[in-house]
């Protein structure tokens, strides 16, 4: 072949040409076909695009502790009463979710199985209603701790109040018994 020859195509027969594996740190970002903008706040996704990490960011945490006096419910009723455990939070975005973690020490006195009914409210809206059943006892006081978590989507940026209430299926249930109740509210970004 000479310099002025025109090559229309080349057909190679035989072994496949192996270019090998590039050495470490020899391929620059400019050589990638990735789309998007690379920066210190983006990452390269599996679909070959740069994107910001999104969602699941913990935006704020609020905690409240109630060490106040105990409350009780009447035997055999399902009338809910406030426990005194409340916390306020103002979400920074309307698409945030709020993770609520509640710990309630419970003291109960009963002559048969006691069902503890517990409610978590956002302002006046029921967010969670649960039942805790306990072992049969002939009589006496027993201290138990009830812990639960609930994820709520309030869809607001106004201040909201979370609180708990209790009721008794039978027997008499007391909140507290000298141990503090706690509520932790965590705002999680979308």
Protein backbone atom coordinates (compact mmCIF):
# COMPACT_ATOMS: atom_id res chain seq x y z
CA UNK A 1 0.00 0.00 0.00
CA UNK A 2 1.12 3.54 -0.66
CA UNK A 3 0.02 6.81 0.90
CA UNK A 4 -2.38 7.69 -1.92
CA UNK A 5 -4.22 4.34 -1.82
CA UNK A 6 -7.89 4.48 -0.71
CA UNK A 7 -9.04 1.68 1.60
CA UNK A 8 -12.77 0.99 1.42
CA UNK A 9 -12.82 -1.79 3.98
CA UNK A 10 -10.55 -4.20 5.79
CA UNK A 11 -11.52 -7.80 6.41
CA UNK A 12 -9.45 -9.54 9.07
CA UNK A 13 -9.32 -13.29 9.13
CA UNK A 14 -7.85 -15.26 11.98
CA UNK A 15 -7.23 -14.18 15.59
CA UNK A 16 -9.29 -11.48 17.29
CA UNK A 17 -7.23 -8.45 18.20
CA UNK A 18 -7.18 -8.08 22.02
CA UNK A 19 -6.53 -4.54 23.19
CA UNK A 20 -6.16 -5.68 26.80
CA UNK A 21 -7.36 -4.07 30.01
CA UNK A 22 -6.47 -0.41 30.61
CA UNK A 23 -4.08 0.18 33.50
CA UNK A 24 -5.46 1.54 36.76
CA UNK A 25 -6.23 5.29 36.77
CA UNK A 26 -5.71 5.64 32.99
CA UNK A 27 -9.35 6.22 31.92
CA UNK A 28 -10.45 9.80 32.58
CA UNK A 29 -14.04 10.99 33.07
CA UNK A 30 -13.79 12.71 29.71
CA UNK A 31 -13.43 9.27 28.09
CA UNK A 32 -16.73 8.05 29.62
CA UNK A 33 -20.00 8.53 27.80
CA UNK A 34 -21.81 9.38 31.05
CA UNK A 35 -24.42 12.11 31.01
CA UNK A 36 -25.16 14.66 33.70
CA UNK A 37 -22.83 16.91 35.65
CA UNK A 38 -20.01 15.50 37.75
CA UNK A 39 -19.37 17.26 41.04
CA UNK A 40 -18.58 16.56 44.68
CA UNK A 41 -22.31 16.13 45.38
CA UNK A 42 -23.08 13.66 42.53
CA UNK A 43 -22.28 10.03 41.89
CA UNK A 44 -22.08 7.88 38.76
CA UNK A 45 -25.11 5.59 38.63
CA UNK A 46 -25.29 2.16 37.07
CA UNK A 47 -27.14 3.59 34.04
CA UNK A 48 -24.04 5.73 33.24
CA UNK A 49 -25.54 9.04 34.42
CA UNK A 50 -24.38 11.40 37.14
CA UNK A 51 -27.06 12.12 39.74
CA UNK A 52 -27.40 13.67 43.17
CA UNK A 53 -28.04 11.41 46.11
CA UNK A 54 -31.69 11.96 46.95
CA UNK A 55 -34.23 10.97 49.57
CA UNK A 56 -33.85 9.48 52.96
CA UNK A 57 -31.97 12.44 54.43
CA UNK A 58 -32.54 13.00 58.14
CA UNK A 59 -33.58 16.65 58.34
CA UNK A 60 -34.35 17.12 62.06
CA UNK A 61 -34.92 15.24 65.31
CA UNK A 62 -37.26 16.27 68.14
CA UNK A 63 -37.49 14.45 71.47
CA UNK A 64 -39.87 14.91 74.38
CA UNK A 65 -39.85 13.18 77.76
CA UNK A 66 -42.80 12.91 80.13
CA UNK A 67 -41.94 12.33 83.77
CA UNK A 68 -45.25 13.74 85.01
CA UNK A 69 -47.91 12.14 87.11
CA UNK A 70 -49.69 8.96 86.06
CA UNK A 71 -53.10 8.80 84.48
CA UNK A 72 -55.57 5.95 84.60
CA UNK A 73 -58.54 4.66 82.68
CA UNK A 74 -61.70 3.13 84.03
CA UNK A 75 -61.92 -0.65 84.05
CA UNK A 76 -63.64 -2.17 81.08
CA UNK A 77 -63.93 1.01 79.02
CA UNK A 78 -62.33 2.02 75.78
CA UNK A 79 -62.27 5.74 76.60
CA UNK A 80 -58.89 7.11 75.59
CA UNK A 81 -57.15 9.59 77.87
CA UNK A 82 -54.06 11.69 77.22
CA UNK A 83 -50.83 10.32 78.68
CA UNK A 84 -49.16 13.72 78.82
CA UNK A 85 -46.56 12.65 76.24
CA UNK A 86 -46.51 15.21 73.39
CA UNK A 87 -43.99 16.65 70.94
CA UNK A 88 -44.22 19.37 68.28
CA UNK A 89 -42.43 19.36 64.94
CA UNK A 90 -42.58 21.66 61.92
CA UNK A 91 -41.69 19.75 58.74
CA UNK A 92 -39.39 21.63 56.37
CA UNK A 93 -41.04 20.13 53.26
CA UNK A 94 -44.57 18.90 52.54
CA UNK A 95 -43.27 15.64 51.07
CA UNK A 96 -41.25 14.71 54.17
CA UNK A 97 -42.20 11.76 56.32
CA UNK A 98 -42.05 11.71 60.11
CA UNK A 99 -40.70 8.63 61.92
CA UNK A 100 -42.30 8.45 65.37
CA UNK A 101 -40.68 6.25 68.03
CA UNK A 102 -42.62 5.88 71.28
CA UNK A 103 -41.56 4.27 74.56
CA UNK A 104 -44.16 4.00 77.33
CA UNK A 105 -43.43 2.32 80.64
CA UNK A 106 -46.77 0.91 81.79
CA UNK A 107 -47.88 -0.06 85.27
CA UNK A 108 -51.09 -2.04 85.48
CA UNK A 109 -53.23 -3.48 88.20
CA UNK A 110 -55.84 -6.05 87.32
CA UNK A 111 -57.55 -9.23 88.34
CA UNK A 112 -57.61 -10.79 84.85
CA UNK A 113 -55.96 -10.26 81.47
CA UNK A 114 -55.41 -6.59 80.79
CA UNK A 115 -55.54 -5.21 77.30
CA UNK A 116 -53.79 -1.93 76.90
CA UNK A 117 -55.11 0.18 74.04
CA UNK A 118 -52.73 2.88 72.82
CA UNK A 119 -53.14 5.63 70.24
CA UNK A 120 -50.72 7.94 68.47
CA UNK A 121 -52.35 11.11 67.18
CA UNK A 122 -51.13 13.83 64.84
CA UNK A 123 -53.06 16.83 66.10
CA UNK A 124 -56.55 15.24 66.27
CA UNK A 125 -55.99 12.56 63.59
CA UNK A 126 -55.36 8.93 64.61
CA UNK A 127 -52.04 7.81 63.14
CA UNK A 128 -51.76 4.50 64.99
CA UNK A 129 -54.06 2.46 67.22
CA UNK A 130 -52.60 -0.64 68.85
CA UNK A 131 -53.44 -3.26 71.44
CA UNK A 132 -51.01 -4.74 73.94
CA UNK A 133 -52.13 -7.94 75.69
CA UNK A 134 -50.37 -9.09 78.83
CA UNK A 135 -50.06 -12.30 80.83
CA UNK A 136 -52.85 -13.41 83.16
CA UNK A 137 -52.20 -12.47 86.77
CA UNK A 138 -54.36 -13.16 89.80
CA UNK A 139 -53.77 -9.63 91.10
CA UNK A 140 -51.05 -7.12 91.83
CA UNK A 141 -48.96 -4.53 90.04
CA UNK A 142 -46.67 -5.37 87.19
CA UNK A 143 -44.52 -2.96 85.20
CA UNK A 144 -44.15 -3.43 81.45
CA UNK A 145 -42.73 -1.19 78.72
CA UNK A 146 -44.50 -0.65 75.42
CA UNK A 147 -42.36 0.54 72.49
CA UNK A 148 -43.53 1.09 68.92
CA UNK A 149 -42.59 3.03 65.80
CA UNK A 150 -44.77 4.53 63.10
CA UNK A 151 -43.94 6.39 59.88
CA UNK A 152 -46.38 9.20 59.11
CA UNK A 153 -46.80 11.41 56.04
CA UNK A 154 -48.40 14.64 57.30
CA UNK A 155 -48.15 16.53 53.94
CA UNK A 156 -47.67 19.93 55.57
CA UNK A 157 -45.05 22.49 56.53
CA UNK A 158 -47.10 23.78 59.46
CA UNK A 159 -46.32 22.83 63.05
CA UNK A 160 -47.95 19.58 64.10
CA UNK A 161 -48.31 17.93 67.50
CA UNK A 162 -47.93 14.21 68.11
CA UNK A 163 -49.30 12.75 71.34
CA UNK A 164 -50.28 9.41 72.84
CA UNK A 165 -53.44 8.27 74.57
CA UNK A 166 -54.25 5.06 76.43
CA UNK A 167 -57.37 3.10 77.28
CA UNK A 168 -58.01 -0.12 79.12
CA UNK A 169 -59.83 -3.16 77.74
CA UNK A 170 -60.28 -4.41 81.30
CA UNK A 171 -58.51 -3.77 84.56
CA UNK A 172 -56.92 -0.40 85.30
CA UNK A 173 -53.86 0.77 83.38
CA UNK A 174 -51.53 3.50 84.59
CA UNK A 175 -49.04 5.33 82.43
CA UNK A 176 -45.59 5.93 83.79
CA UNK A 177 -45.16 4.38 87.21
CA UNK A 178 -42.19 6.64 87.88
CA UNK A 179 -40.34 5.86 84.66
CA UNK A 180 -40.22 8.50 81.91
CA UNK A 181 -42.11 8.05 78.65
CA UNK A 182 -40.36 9.28 75.51
CA UNK A 183 -41.33 10.31 72.00
CA UNK A 184 -38.77 10.85 69.24
CA UNK A 185 -39.82 12.50 65.97
CA UNK A 186 -37.46 12.35 62.98
CA UNK A 187 -38.18 14.26 59.77
CA UNK A 188 -36.94 12.31 56.75
CA UNK A 189 -36.61 14.11 53.42
CA UNK A 190 -38.20 12.70 50.28
